Amino acid sequence: MKPSTIRIFGIPNCDTIKKARAWLKENEIEYEFHDYKKAGIDEDTLRNWILVTGWEVLLNRRGTTWRKVPQETKDSIDEATAIELMLENPSIIKRPVLTMDKRIEVGFSADQYAALFK
């Protein structure tokens, strides 16, 4: 059985992405990197992630992109608005998103990845 393709989604200059990619490299785990800045994110992929994780997990409310969102939008945020924001500006999606088979992991910690790849 062929091992599944591991994909990591994010932006290259993000510190958390750098840490996740370094961890994967150190542990000799092959992966494909999907750069939001160059390739964006398609709606079907985003909606599939939301089915698994929920939109609240994916929406990064701690970053600079969120700070630029008008207060009125922040106050009335719901799934539809969140999807619209994430499609317009994928930098607002929490990083990294790692996909493998039907599994989706959001965020990074060495312990989280160690448990995932043991």
PDB file of N, CA and C in Angstrom:
ATOM      1  N   MET A   1       0.841  -1.182   0.000  1.00  0.00           N
ATOM      2  CA  MET A   1       0.000   0.000   0.000  1.00  0.00           C
ATOM      3  C   MET A   1       0.887   1.247   0.000  1.00  0.00           C
ATOM      4  N   LYS A   2       0.608   2.150  -0.912  1.00  0.00           N
ATOM      5  CA  LYS A   2       1.393   3.377  -1.036  1.00  0.00           C
ATOM      6  C   LYS A   2       1.034   4.336   0.099  1.00  0.00           C
ATOM      7  N   PRO A   3       2.061   4.923   0.750  1.00  0.00           N
ATOM      8  CA  PRO A   3       1.749   5.888   1.801  1.00  0.00           C
ATOM      9  C   PRO A   3       1.021   7.097   1.220  1.00  0.00           C
ATOM     10  N   SER A   4       0.164   7.700   2.015  1.00  0.00           N
ATOM     11  CA  SER A   4      -0.613   8.834   1.536  1.00  0.00           C
ATOM     12  C   SER A   4       0.283  10.059   1.377  1.00  0.00           C
ATOM     13  N   THR A   5      -0.176  10.973   0.537  1.00  0.00           N
ATOM     14  CA  THR A   5       0.545  12.217   0.350  1.00  0.00           C
ATOM     15  C   THR A   5       0.250  13.138   1.527  1.00  0.00           C
ATOM     16  N   ILE A   6       1.289  13.686   2.073  1.00  0.00           N
ATOM     17  CA  ILE A   6       1.155  14.644   3.163  1.00  0.00           C
ATOM     18  C   ILE A   6       1.295  16.019   2.540  1.00  0.00           C
ATOM     19  N   ARG A   7       0.335  16.880   2.839  1.00  0.00           N
ATOM     20  CA  ARG A   7       0.390  18.246   2.334  1.00  0.00           C
ATOM     21  C   ARG A   7       0.332  19.196   3.521  1.00  0.00           C
ATOM     22  N   ILE A   8       1.109  20.248   3.425  1.00  0.00           N
ATOM     23  CA  ILE A   8       1.082  21.283   4.444  1.00  0.00           C
ATOM     24  C   ILE A   8       0.739  22.591   3.742  1.00  0.00           C
ATOM     25  N   PHE A   9      -0.256  23.282   4.262  1.00  0.00           N
ATOM     26  CA  PHE A   9      -0.783  24.500   3.663  1.00  0.00           C
ATOM     27  C   PHE A   9      -0.410  25.695   4.522  1.00  0.00           C
ATOM     28  N   GLY A  10       0.039  26.771   3.872  1.00  0.00           N
ATOM     29  CA  GLY A  10       0.376  27.976   4.617  1.00  0.00           C
ATOM     30  C   GLY A  10       1.093  28.978   3.749  1.00  0.00           C
ATOM     31  N   ILE A  11       1.807  29.880   4.413  1.00  0.00           N
ATOM     32  CA  ILE A  11       2.612  30.864   3.709  1.00  0.00           C
ATOM     33  C   ILE A  11       4.059  30.706   4.175  1.00  0.00           C
ATOM     34  N   PRO A  12       5.008  30.789   3.241  1.00  0.00           N
ATOM     35  CA  PRO A  12       6.393  30.424   3.546  1.00  0.00           C
ATOM     36  C   PRO A  12       7.069  31.249   4.639  1.00  0.00           C
ATOM     37  N   ASN A  13       6.692  32.517   4.800  1.00  0.00           N
ATOM     38  CA  ASN A  13       7.393  33.345   5.780  1.00  0.00           C
ATOM     39  C   ASN A  13       6.782  33.276   7.183  1.00  0.00           C
ATOM     40  N   CYS A  14       5.780  32.447   7.381  1.00  0.00           N
ATOM     41  CA  CYS A  14       5.141  32.281   8.692  1.00  0.00           C
ATOM     42  C   CYS A  14       6.065  31.466   9.607  1.00  0.00           C
ATOM     43  N   ASP A  15       6.312  31.966  10.813  1.00  0.00           N
ATOM     44  CA  ASP A  15       7.206  31.275  11.751  1.00  0.00           C
ATOM     45  C   ASP A  15       6.719  29.868  12.093  1.00  0.00           C
ATOM     46  N   THR A  16       5.415  29.709  12.267  1.00  0.00           N
ATOM     47  CA  THR A  16       4.875  28.393  12.608  1.00  0.00           C
ATOM     48  C   THR A  16       5.041  27.419  11.447  1.00  0.00           C
ATOM     49  N   ILE A  17       4.870  27.905  10.236  1.00  0.00           N
ATOM     50  CA  ILE A  17       5.100  27.071   9.048  1.00  0.00           C
ATOM     51  C   ILE A  17       6.567  26.658   9.002  1.00  0.00           C
ATOM     52  N   LYS A  18       7.455  27.585   9.259  1.00  0.00           N
ATOM     53  CA  LYS A  18       8.890  27.272   9.251  1.00  0.00           C
ATOM     54  C   LYS A  18       9.211  26.180  10.270  1.00  0.00           C
ATOM     55  N   LYS A  19       8.623  26.279  11.455  1.00  0.00           N
ATOM     56  CA  LYS A  19       8.853  25.264  12.492  1.00  0.00           C
ATOM     57  C   LYS A  19       8.297  23.905  12.066  1.00  0.00           C
ATOM     58  N   ALA A  20       7.103  23.900  11.508  1.00  0.00           N
ATOM     59  CA  ALA A  20       6.485  22.640  11.074  1.00  0.00           C
ATOM     60  C   ALA A  20       7.301  21.991   9.956  1.00  0.00           C
ATOM     61  N   ARG A  21       7.725  22.800   8.990  1.00  0.00           N
ATOM     62  CA  ARG A  21       8.514  22.265   7.877  1.00  0.00           C
ATOM     63  C   ARG A  21       9.866  21.750   8.367  1.00  0.00           C
ATOM     64  N   ALA A  22      10.482  22.458   9.310  1.00  0.00           N
ATOM     65  CA  ALA A  22      11.758  22.006   9.873  1.00  0.00           C
ATOM     66  C   ALA A  22      11.575  20.681  10.605  1.00  0.00           C
ATOM     67  N   TRP A  23      10.482  20.552  11.361  1.00  0.00           N
ATOM     68  CA  TRP A  23      10.214  19.309  12.086  1.00  0.00           C
ATOM     69  C   TRP A  23      10.058  18.150  11.100  1.00  0.00           C
ATOM     70  N   LEU A  24       9.285  18.370  10.044  1.00  0.00           N
ATOM     71  CA  LEU A  24       9.080  17.315   9.037  1.00  0.00           C
ATOM     72  C   LEU A  24      10.410  16.920   8.389  1.00  0.00           C
ATOM     73  N   LYS A  25      11.233  17.900   8.067  1.00  0.00           N
ATOM     74  CA  LYS A  25      12.529  17.628   7.447  1.00  0.00           C
ATOM     75  C   LYS A  25      13.439  16.851   8.394  1.00  0.00           C
ATOM     76  N   GLU A  26      13.514  17.303   9.649  1.00  0.00           N
ATOM     77  CA  GLU A  26      14.354  16.627  10.642  1.00  0.00           C
ATOM     78  C   GLU A  26      13.938  15.178  10.856  1.00  0.00           C
ATOM     79  N   ASN A  27      12.647  14.918  10.706  1.00  0.00           N
ATOM     80  CA  ASN A  27      12.122  13.575  10.911  1.00  0.00           C
ATOM     81  C   ASN A  27      11.972  12.797   9.604  1.00  0.00           C
ATOM     82  N   GLU A  28      12.551  13.363   8.535  1.00  0.00           N
ATOM     83  CA  GLU A  28      12.609  12.718   7.226  1.00  0.00           C
ATOM     84  C   GLU A  28      11.227  12.293   6.725  1.00  0.00           C
ATOM     85  N   ILE A  29      10.274  13.194   6.874  1.00  0.00           N
ATOM     86  CA  ILE A  29       8.911  12.954   6.405  1.00  0.00           C
ATOM     87  C   ILE A  29       8.696  13.803   5.158  1.00  0.00           C
ATOM     88  N   GLU A  30       8.415  13.133   4.064  1.00  0.00           N
ATOM     89  CA  GLU A  30       8.186  13.838   2.804  1.00  0.00           C
ATOM     90  C   GLU A  30       6.804  14.466   2.796  1.00  0.00           C
ATOM     91  N   TYR A  31       6.726  15.641   2.218  1.00  0.00           N
ATOM     92  CA  TYR A  31       5.455  16.354   2.158  1.00  0.00           C
ATOM     93  C   TYR A  31       5.463  17.293   0.960  1.00  0.00           C
ATOM     94  N   GLU A  32       4.282  17.740   0.589  1.00  0.00           N
ATOM     95  CA  GLU A  32       4.133  18.774  -0.426  1.00  0.00           C
ATOM     96  C   GLU A  32       3.710  20.046   0.293  1.00  0.00           C
ATOM     97  N   PHE A  33       4.253  21.183  -0.137  1.00  0.00           N
ATOM     98  CA  PHE A  33       3.893  22.458   0.461  1.00  0.00           C
ATOM     99  C   PHE A  33       2.972  23.221  -0.484  1.00  0.00           C
ATOM    100  N   HIS A  34       1.839  23.660   0.039  1.00  0.00           N
ATOM    101  CA  HIS A  34       0.886  24.462  -0.728  1.00  0.00           C
ATOM    102  C   HIS A  34       0.971  25.899  -0.217  1.00  0.00           C
ATOM    103  N   ASP A  35       1.452  26.784  -1.053  1.00  0.00           N
ATOM    104  CA  ASP A  35       1.661  28.189  -0.700  1.00  0.00           C
ATOM    105  C   ASP A  35       0.395  28.985  -1.015  1.00  0.00           C
ATOM    106  N   TYR A  36      -0.289  29.456   0.039  1.00  0.00           N
ATOM    107  CA  TYR A  36      -1.500  30.256  -0.149  1.00  0.00           C
ATOM    108  C   TYR A  36      -1.236  31.508  -0.969  1.00  0.00           C
ATOM    109  N   LYS A  37      -0.060  32.106  -0.802  1.00  0.00           N
ATOM    110  CA  LYS A  37       0.249  33.350  -1.515  1.00  0.00           C
ATOM    111  C   LYS A  37       0.269  33.131  -3.028  1.00  0.00           C
ATOM    112  N   LYS A  38       0.766  31.963  -3.432  1.00  0.00           N
ATOM    113  CA  LYS A  38       0.869  31.671  -4.867  1.00  0.00           C
ATOM    114  C   LYS A  38      -0.357  30.954  -5.401  1.00  0.00           C
ATOM    115  N   ALA A  39      -0.906  30.009  -4.645  1.00  0.00           N
ATOM    116  CA  ALA A  39      -1.958  29.135  -5.158  1.00  0.00           C
ATOM    117  C   ALA A  39      -3.338  29.391  -4.562  1.00  0.00           C
ATOM    118  N   GLY A  40      -3.423  30.216  -3.521  1.00  0.00           N
ATOM    119  CA  GLY A  40      -4.720  30.448  -2.894  1.00  0.00           C
ATOM    120  C   GLY A  40      -5.277  29.166  -2.277  1.00  0.00           C
ATOM    121  N   ILE A  41      -6.573  29.142  -2.095  1.00  0.00           N
ATOM    122  CA  ILE A  41      -7.258  27.946  -1.599  1.00  0.00           C
ATOM    123  C   ILE A  41      -8.599  27.871  -2.323  1.00  0.00           C
ATOM    124  N   ASP A  42      -8.990  26.672  -2.725  1.00  0.00           N
ATOM    125  CA  ASP A  42     -10.258  26.566  -3.432  1.00  0.00           C
ATOM    126  C   ASP A  42     -11.393  26.294  -2.434  1.00  0.00           C
ATOM    127  N   GLU A  43     -12.588  26.674  -2.830  1.00  0.00           N
ATOM    128  CA  GLU A  43     -13.740  26.608  -1.937  1.00  0.00           C
ATOM    129  C   GLU A  43     -14.064  25.184  -1.508  1.00  0.00           C
ATOM    130  N   ASP A  44     -13.966  24.220  -2.425  1.00  0.00           N
ATOM    131  CA  ASP A  44     -14.269  22.823  -2.067  1.00  0.00           C
ATOM    132  C   ASP A  44     -13.338  22.320  -0.970  1.00  0.00           C
ATOM    133  N   THR A  45     -12.049  22.593  -1.110  1.00  0.00           N
ATOM    134  CA  THR A  45     -11.080  22.171  -0.093  1.00  0.00           C
ATOM    135  C   THR A  45     -11.414  22.810   1.242  1.00  0.00           C
ATOM    136  N   LEU A  46     -11.648  24.110   1.233  1.00  0.00           N
ATOM    137  CA  LEU A  46     -11.965  24.830   2.467  1.00  0.00           C
ATOM    138  C   LEU A  46     -13.224  24.263   3.122  1.00  0.00           C
ATOM    139  N   ARG A  47     -14.259  24.042   2.336  1.00  0.00           N
ATOM    140  CA  ARG A  47     -15.511  23.505   2.898  1.00  0.00           C
ATOM    141  C   ARG A  47     -15.315  22.088   3.457  1.00  0.00           C
ATOM    142  N   ASN A  48     -14.484  21.289   2.812  1.00  0.00           N
ATOM    143  CA  ASN A  48     -14.199  19.945   3.339  1.00  0.00           C
ATOM    144  C   ASN A  48     -13.464  20.030   4.677  1.00  0.00           C
ATOM    145  N   TRP A  49     -12.513  20.943   4.788  1.00  0.00           N
ATOM    146  CA  TRP A  49     -11.814  21.132   6.062  1.00  0.00           C
ATOM    147  C   TRP A  49     -12.797  21.535   7.148  1.00  0.00           C
ATOM    148  N   ILE A  50     -13.714  22.448   6.810  1.00  0.00           N
ATOM    149  CA  ILE A  50     -14.691  22.938   7.786  1.00  0.00           C
ATOM    150  C   ILE A  50     -15.592  21.808   8.266  1.00  0.00           C
ATOM    151  N   LEU A  51     -15.937  20.884   7.371  1.00  0.00           N
ATOM    152  CA  LEU A  51     -16.748  19.729   7.785  1.00  0.00           C
ATOM    153  C   LEU A  51     -16.037  18.927   8.873  1.00  0.00           C
ATOM    154  N   VAL A  52     -14.710  18.854   8.790  1.00  0.00           N
ATOM    155  CA  VAL A  52     -13.927  18.068   9.744  1.00  0.00           C
ATOM    156  C   VAL A  52     -13.601  18.871  11.009  1.00  0.00           C
ATOM    157  N   THR A  53     -13.180  20.116  10.830  1.00  0.00           N
ATOM    158  CA  THR A  53     -12.652  20.875  11.971  1.00  0.00           C
ATOM    159  C   THR A  53     -13.609  21.917  12.539  1.00  0.00           C
ATOM    160  N   GLY A  54     -14.533  22.385  11.709  1.00  0.00           N
ATOM    161  CA  GLY A  54     -15.349  23.542  12.076  1.00  0.00           C
ATOM    162  C   GLY A  54     -14.646  24.813  11.646  1.00  0.00           C
ATOM    163  N   TRP A  55     -15.399  25.822  11.256  1.00  0.00           N
ATOM    164  CA  TRP A  55     -14.795  27.067  10.756  1.00  0.00           C
ATOM    165  C   TRP A  55     -14.073  27.836  11.856  1.00  0.00           C
ATOM    166  N   GLU A  56     -14.529  27.697  13.095  1.00  0.00           N
ATOM    167  CA  GLU A  56     -13.917  28.437  14.196  1.00  0.00           C
ATOM    168  C   GLU A  56     -12.457  28.034  14.406  1.00  0.00           C
ATOM    169  N   VAL A  57     -12.147  26.759  14.178  1.00  0.00           N
ATOM    170  CA  VAL A  57     -10.776  26.269  14.336  1.00  0.00           C
ATOM    171  C   VAL A  57      -9.874  26.841  13.246  1.00  0.00           C
ATOM    172  N   LEU A  58     -10.399  26.961  12.047  1.00  0.00           N
ATOM    173  CA  LEU A  58      -9.602  27.424  10.905  1.00  0.00           C
ATOM    174  C   LEU A  58      -9.384  28.929  10.870  1.00  0.00           C
ATOM    175  N   LEU A  59     -10.302  29.687  11.431  1.00  0.00           N
ATOM    176  CA  LEU A  59     -10.205  31.143  11.367  1.00  0.00           C
ATOM    177  C   LEU A  59      -9.196  31.651  12.399  1.00  0.00           C
ATOM    178  N   ASN A  60      -8.122  32.258  11.908  1.00  0.00           N
ATOM    179  CA  ASN A  60      -7.070  32.760  12.788  1.00  0.00           C
ATOM    180  C   ASN A  60      -7.422  34.162  13.270  1.00  0.00           C
ATOM    181  N   ARG A  61      -7.859  34.236  14.512  1.00  0.00           N
ATOM    182  CA  ARG A  61      -8.264  35.524  15.093  1.00  0.00           C
ATOM    183  C   ARG A  61      -7.110  36.211  15.827  1.00  0.00           C
ATOM    184  N   ARG A  62      -5.905  35.658  15.716  1.00  0.00           N
ATOM    185  CA  ARG A  62      -4.768  36.235  16.444  1.00  0.00           C
ATOM    186  C   ARG A  62      -3.784  36.957  15.524  1.00  0.00           C
ATOM    187  N   GLY A  63      -3.960  36.851  14.234  1.00  0.00           N
ATOM    188  CA  GLY A  63      -2.984  37.401  13.296  1.00  0.00           C
ATOM    189  C   GLY A  63      -3.290  38.815  12.841  1.00  0.00           C
ATOM    190  N   THR A  64      -2.351  39.360  12.098  1.00  0.00           N
ATOM    191  CA  THR A  64      -2.499  40.730  11.592  1.00  0.00           C
ATOM    192  C   THR A  64      -3.633  40.835  10.572  1.00  0.00           C
ATOM    193  N   THR A  65      -3.892  39.772   9.825  1.00  0.00           N
ATOM    194  CA  THR A  65      -4.969  39.810   8.836  1.00  0.00           C
ATOM    195  C   THR A  65      -6.312  40.018   9.526  1.00  0.00           C
ATOM    196  N   TRP A  66      -6.535  39.325  10.643  1.00  0.00           N
ATOM    197  CA  TRP A  66      -7.786  39.465  11.398  1.00  0.00           C
ATOM    198  C   TRP A  66      -7.924  40.894  11.931  1.00  0.00           C
ATOM    199  N   ARG A  67      -6.836  41.486  12.376  1.00  0.00           N
ATOM    200  CA  ARG A  67      -6.884  42.844  12.923  1.00  0.00           C
ATOM    201  C   ARG A  67      -7.356  43.862  11.876  1.00  0.00           C
ATOM    202  N   LYS A  68      -7.147  43.546  10.598  1.00  0.00           N
ATOM    203  CA  LYS A  68      -7.548  44.453   9.520  1.00  0.00           C
ATOM    204  C   LYS A  68      -9.020  44.305   9.135  1.00  0.00           C
ATOM    205  N   VAL A  69      -9.671  43.259   9.633  1.00  0.00           N
ATOM    206  CA  VAL A  69     -11.081  43.016   9.314  1.00  0.00           C
ATOM    207  C   VAL A  69     -11.929  44.075  10.032  1.00  0.00           C
ATOM    208  N   PRO A  70     -12.891  44.676   9.323  1.00  0.00           N
ATOM    209  CA  PRO A  70     -13.736  45.687   9.963  1.00  0.00           C
ATOM    210  C   PRO A  70     -14.441  45.128  11.210  1.00  0.00           C
ATOM    211  N   GLN A  71     -14.553  45.961  12.231  1.00  0.00           N
ATOM    212  CA  GLN A  71     -15.151  45.540  13.499  1.00  0.00           C
ATOM    213  C   GLN A  71     -16.565  45.002  13.298  1.00  0.00           C
ATOM    214  N   GLU A  72     -17.314  45.614  12.407  1.00  0.00           N
ATOM    215  CA  GLU A  72     -18.684  45.161  12.137  1.00  0.00           C
ATOM    216  C   GLU A  72     -18.696  43.704  11.661  1.00  0.00           C
ATOM    217  N   THR A  73     -17.744  43.355  10.813  1.00  0.00           N
ATOM    218  CA  THR A  73     -17.636  41.973  10.328  1.00  0.00           C
ATOM    219  C   THR A  73     -17.240  41.045  11.464  1.00  0.00           C
ATOM    220  N   LYS A  74     -16.268  41.471  12.269  1.00  0.00           N
ATOM    221  CA  LYS A  74     -15.837  40.660  13.416  1.00  0.00           C
ATOM    222  C   LYS A  74     -17.006  40.380  14.355  1.00  0.00           C
ATOM    223  N   ASP A  75     -17.820  41.393  14.602  1.00  0.00           N
ATOM    224  CA  ASP A  75     -18.928  41.272  15.548  1.00  0.00           C
ATOM    225  C   ASP A  75     -20.026  40.342  15.051  1.00  0.00           C
ATOM    226  N   SER A  76     -20.152  40.208  13.738  1.00  0.00           N
ATOM    227  CA  SER A  76     -21.249  39.392  13.193  1.00  0.00           C
ATOM    228  C   SER A  76     -20.733  38.152  12.456  1.00  0.00           C
ATOM    229  N   ILE A  77     -19.502  37.739  12.743  1.00  0.00           N
ATOM    230  CA  ILE A  77     -18.886  36.624  12.018  1.00  0.00           C
ATOM    231  C   ILE A  77     -19.699  35.341  12.181  1.00  0.00           C
ATOM    232  N   ASP A  78     -19.911  34.669  11.089  1.00  0.00           N
ATOM    233  CA  ASP A  78     -20.569  33.365  11.083  1.00  0.00           C
ATOM    234  C   ASP A  78     -19.856  32.512  10.034  1.00  0.00           C
ATOM    235  N   GLU A  79     -20.316  31.292   9.832  1.00  0.00           N
ATOM    236  CA  GLU A  79     -19.626  30.394   8.904  1.00  0.00           C
ATOM    237  C   GLU A  79     -19.534  30.971   7.498  1.00  0.00           C
ATOM    238  N   ALA A  80     -20.626  31.518   6.987  1.00  0.00           N
ATOM    239  CA  ALA A  80     -20.630  32.050   5.617  1.00  0.00           C
ATOM    240  C   ALA A  80     -19.636  33.199   5.477  1.00  0.00           C
ATOM    241  N   THR A  81     -19.639  34.107   6.441  1.00  0.00           N
ATOM    242  CA  THR A  81     -18.711  35.241   6.398  1.00  0.00           C
ATOM    243  C   THR A  81     -17.275  34.773   6.548  1.00  0.00           C
ATOM    244  N   ALA A  82     -17.059  33.807   7.433  1.00  0.00           N
ATOM    245  CA  ALA A  82     -15.708  33.273   7.641  1.00  0.00           C
ATOM    246  C   ALA A  82     -15.187  32.626   6.359  1.00  0.00           C
ATOM    247  N   ILE A  83     -16.025  31.865   5.678  1.00  0.00           N
ATOM    248  CA  ILE A  83     -15.618  31.225   4.420  1.00  0.00           C
ATOM    249  C   ILE A  83     -15.251  32.290   3.397  1.00  0.00           C
ATOM    250  N   GLU A  84     -16.070  33.317   3.299  1.00  0.00           N
ATOM    251  CA  GLU A  84     -15.802  34.414   2.372  1.00  0.00           C
ATOM    252  C   GLU A  84     -14.443  35.059   2.672  1.00  0.00           C
ATOM    253  N   LEU A  85     -14.203  35.352   3.944  1.00  0.00           N
ATOM    254  CA  LEU A  85     -12.923  35.954   4.358  1.00  0.00           C
ATOM    255  C   LEU A  85     -11.744  35.052   4.018  1.00  0.00           C
ATOM    256  N   MET A  86     -11.872  33.755   4.307  1.00  0.00           N
ATOM    257  CA  MET A  86     -10.769  32.818   4.080  1.00  0.00           C
ATOM    258  C   MET A  86     -10.483  32.630   2.590  1.00  0.00           C
ATOM    259  N   LEU A  87     -11.523  32.659   1.764  1.00  0.00           N
ATOM    260  CA  LEU A  87     -11.313  32.534   0.322  1.00  0.00           C
ATOM    261  C   LEU A  87     -10.671  33.801  -0.249  1.00  0.00           C
ATOM    262  N   GLU A  88     -11.105  34.960   0.247  1.00  0.00           N
ATOM    263  CA  GLU A  88     -10.548  36.231  -0.230  1.00  0.00           C
ATOM    264  C   GLU A  88      -9.101  36.415   0.218  1.00  0.00           C
ATOM    265  N   ASN A  89      -8.803  35.980   1.439  1.00  0.00           N
ATOM    266  CA  ASN A  89      -7.464  36.178   1.979  1.00  0.00           C
ATOM    267  C   ASN A  89      -7.059  34.958   2.803  1.00  0.00           C
ATOM    268  N   PRO A  90      -6.482  33.943   2.150  1.00  0.00           N
ATOM    269  CA  PRO A  90      -6.120  32.709   2.858  1.00  0.00           C
ATOM    270  C   PRO A  90      -5.142  32.907   4.018  1.00  0.00           C
ATOM    271  N   SER A  91      -4.503  34.074   4.097  1.00  0.00           N
ATOM    272  CA  SER A  91      -3.607  34.346   5.225  1.00  0.00           C
ATOM    273  C   SER A  91      -4.352  34.365   6.555  1.00  0.00           C
ATOM    274  N   ILE A  92      -5.672  34.445   6.505  1.00  0.00           N
ATOM    275  CA  ILE A  92      -6.470  34.470   7.731  1.00  0.00           C
ATOM    276  C   ILE A  92      -6.790  33.049   8.225  1.00  0.00           C
ATOM    277  N   ILE A  93      -6.369  32.050   7.458  1.00  0.00           N
ATOM    278  CA  ILE A  93      -6.545  30.658   7.883  1.00  0.00           C
ATOM    279  C   ILE A  93      -5.408  30.309   8.838  1.00  0.00           C
ATOM    280  N   LYS A  94      -5.764  29.701   9.967  1.00  0.00           N
ATOM    281  CA  LYS A  94      -4.753  29.298  10.951  1.00  0.00           C
ATOM    282  C   LYS A  94      -3.751  28.368  10.274  1.00  0.00           C
ATOM    283  N   ARG A  95      -2.487  28.509  10.633  1.00  0.00           N
ATOM    284  CA  ARG A  95      -1.422  27.748   9.978  1.00  0.00           C
ATOM    285  C   ARG A  95      -0.617  26.953  10.990  1.00  0.00           C
ATOM    286  N   PRO A  96      -0.050  25.873  10.486  1.00  0.00           N
ATOM    287  CA  PRO A  96      -0.320  25.228   9.202  1.00  0.00           C
ATOM    288  C   PRO A  96      -1.577  24.370   9.258  1.00  0.00           C
ATOM    289  N   VAL A  97      -2.062  24.041   8.070  1.00  0.00           N
ATOM    290  CA  VAL A  97      -3.058  22.984   7.935  1.00  0.00           C
ATOM    291  C   VAL A  97      -2.309  21.829   7.278  1.00  0.00           C
ATOM    292  N   LEU A  98      -2.302  20.693   7.943  1.00  0.00           N
ATOM    293  CA  LEU A  98      -1.636  19.502   7.417  1.00  0.00           C
ATOM    294  C   LEU A  98      -2.716  18.488   7.079  1.00  0.00           C
ATOM    295  N   THR A  99      -2.666  17.961   5.856  1.00  0.00           N
ATOM    296  CA  THR A  99      -3.622  16.934   5.454  1.00  0.00           C
ATOM    297  C   THR A  99      -2.877  15.650   5.117  1.00  0.00           C
ATOM    298  N   MET A 100      -3.506  14.532   5.487  1.00  0.00           N
ATOM    299  CA  MET A 100      -2.947  13.210   5.230  1.00  0.00           C
ATOM    300  C   MET A 100      -4.125  12.246   5.258  1.00  0.00           C
ATOM    301  N   ASP A 101      -4.311  11.527   4.166  1.00  0.00           N
ATOM    302  CA  ASP A 101      -5.514  10.710   4.011  1.00  0.00           C
ATOM    303  C   ASP A 101      -6.720  11.620   4.232  1.00  0.00           C
ATOM    304  N   LYS A 102      -7.602  11.239   5.113  1.00  0.00           N
ATOM    305  CA  LYS A 102      -8.766  12.084   5.405  1.00  0.00           C
ATOM    306  C   LYS A 102      -8.555  12.870   6.687  1.00  0.00           C
ATOM    307  N   ARG A 103      -7.355  12.830   7.199  1.00  0.00           N
ATOM    308  CA  ARG A 103      -7.034  13.504   8.450  1.00  0.00           C
ATOM    309  C   ARG A 103      -6.598  14.940   8.192  1.00  0.00           C
ATOM    310  N   ILE A 104      -6.997  15.841   9.088  1.00  0.00           N
ATOM    311  CA  ILE A 104      -6.629  17.249   8.993  1.00  0.00           C
ATOM    312  C   ILE A 104      -6.160  17.701  10.368  1.00  0.00           C
ATOM    313  N   GLU A 105      -4.949  18.260  10.410  1.00  0.00           N
ATOM    314  CA  GLU A 105      -4.399  18.814  11.642  1.00  0.00           C
ATOM    315  C   GLU A 105      -4.204  20.313  11.433  1.00  0.00           C
ATOM    316  N   VAL A 106      -4.657  21.096  12.390  1.00  0.00           N
ATOM    317  CA  VAL A 106      -4.532  22.552  12.299  1.00  0.00           C
ATOM    318  C   VAL A 106      -3.600  23.023  13.411  1.00  0.00           C
ATOM    319  N   GLY A 107      -2.607  23.831  13.035  1.00  0.00           N
ATOM    320  CA  GLY A 107      -1.635  24.310  14.003  1.00  0.00           C
ATOM    321  C   GLY A 107      -0.440  23.371  14.067  1.00  0.00           C
ATOM    322  N   PHE A 108       0.544  23.746  14.875  1.00  0.00           N
ATOM    323  CA  PHE A 108       1.739  22.919  14.991  1.00  0.00           C
ATOM    324  C   PHE A 108       2.278  22.940  16.415  1.00  0.00           C
ATOM    325  N   SER A 109       2.631  21.759  16.865  1.00  0.00           N
ATOM    326  CA  SER A 109       3.510  21.599  18.027  1.00  0.00           C
ATOM    327  C   SER A 109       4.301  20.325  17.759  1.00  0.00           C
ATOM    328  N   ALA A 110       5.512  20.278  18.255  1.00  0.00           N
ATOM    329  CA  ALA A 110       6.360  19.095  18.050  1.00  0.00           C
ATOM    330  C   ALA A 110       5.664  17.854  18.616  1.00  0.00           C
ATOM    331  N   ASP A 111       5.036  17.975  19.780  1.00  0.00           N
ATOM    332  CA  ASP A 111       4.343  16.840  20.388  1.00  0.00           C
ATOM    333  C   ASP A 111       3.173  16.364  19.513  1.00  0.00           C
ATOM    334  N   GLN A 112       2.433  17.312  18.972  1.00  0.00           N
ATOM    335  CA  GLN A 112       1.297  16.989  18.105  1.00  0.00           C
ATOM    336  C   GLN A 112       1.774  16.201  16.887  1.00  0.00           C
ATOM    337  N   TYR A 113       2.840  16.658  16.229  1.00  0.00           N
ATOM    338  CA  TYR A 113       3.347  15.974  15.043  1.00  0.00           C
ATOM    339  C   TYR A 113       3.981  14.631  15.414  1.00  0.00           C
ATOM    340  N   ALA A 114       4.666  14.570  16.536  1.00  0.00           N
ATOM    341  CA  ALA A 114       5.276  13.304  16.974  1.00  0.00           C
ATOM    342  C   ALA A 114       4.186  12.253  17.163  1.00  0.00           C
ATOM    343  N   ALA A 115       3.074  12.639  17.777  1.00  0.00           N
ATOM    344  CA  ALA A 115       1.974  11.688  17.983  1.00  0.00           C
ATOM    345  C   ALA A 115       1.350  11.285  16.642  1.00  0.00           C
ATOM    346  N   LEU A 116       1.231  12.230  15.738  1.00  0.00           N
ATOM    347  CA  LEU A 116       0.630  11.967  14.430  1.00  0.00           C
ATOM    348  C   LEU A 116       1.464  10.993  13.605  1.00  0.00           C
ATOM    349  N   PHE A 117       2.777  11.121  13.673  1.00  0.00           N
ATOM    350  CA  PHE A 117       3.666  10.320  12.815  1.00  0.00           C
ATOM    351  C   PHE A 117       4.364   9.176  13.518  1.00  0.00           C
ATOM    352  N   LYS A 118       3.925   8.811  14.732  1.00  0.00           N
ATOM    353  CA  LYS A 118       4.612   7.725  15.445  1.00  0.00           C
ATOM    354  C   LYS A 118       4.397   6.389  14.782  1.00  0.00           C
TER     355      LYS A 118
END
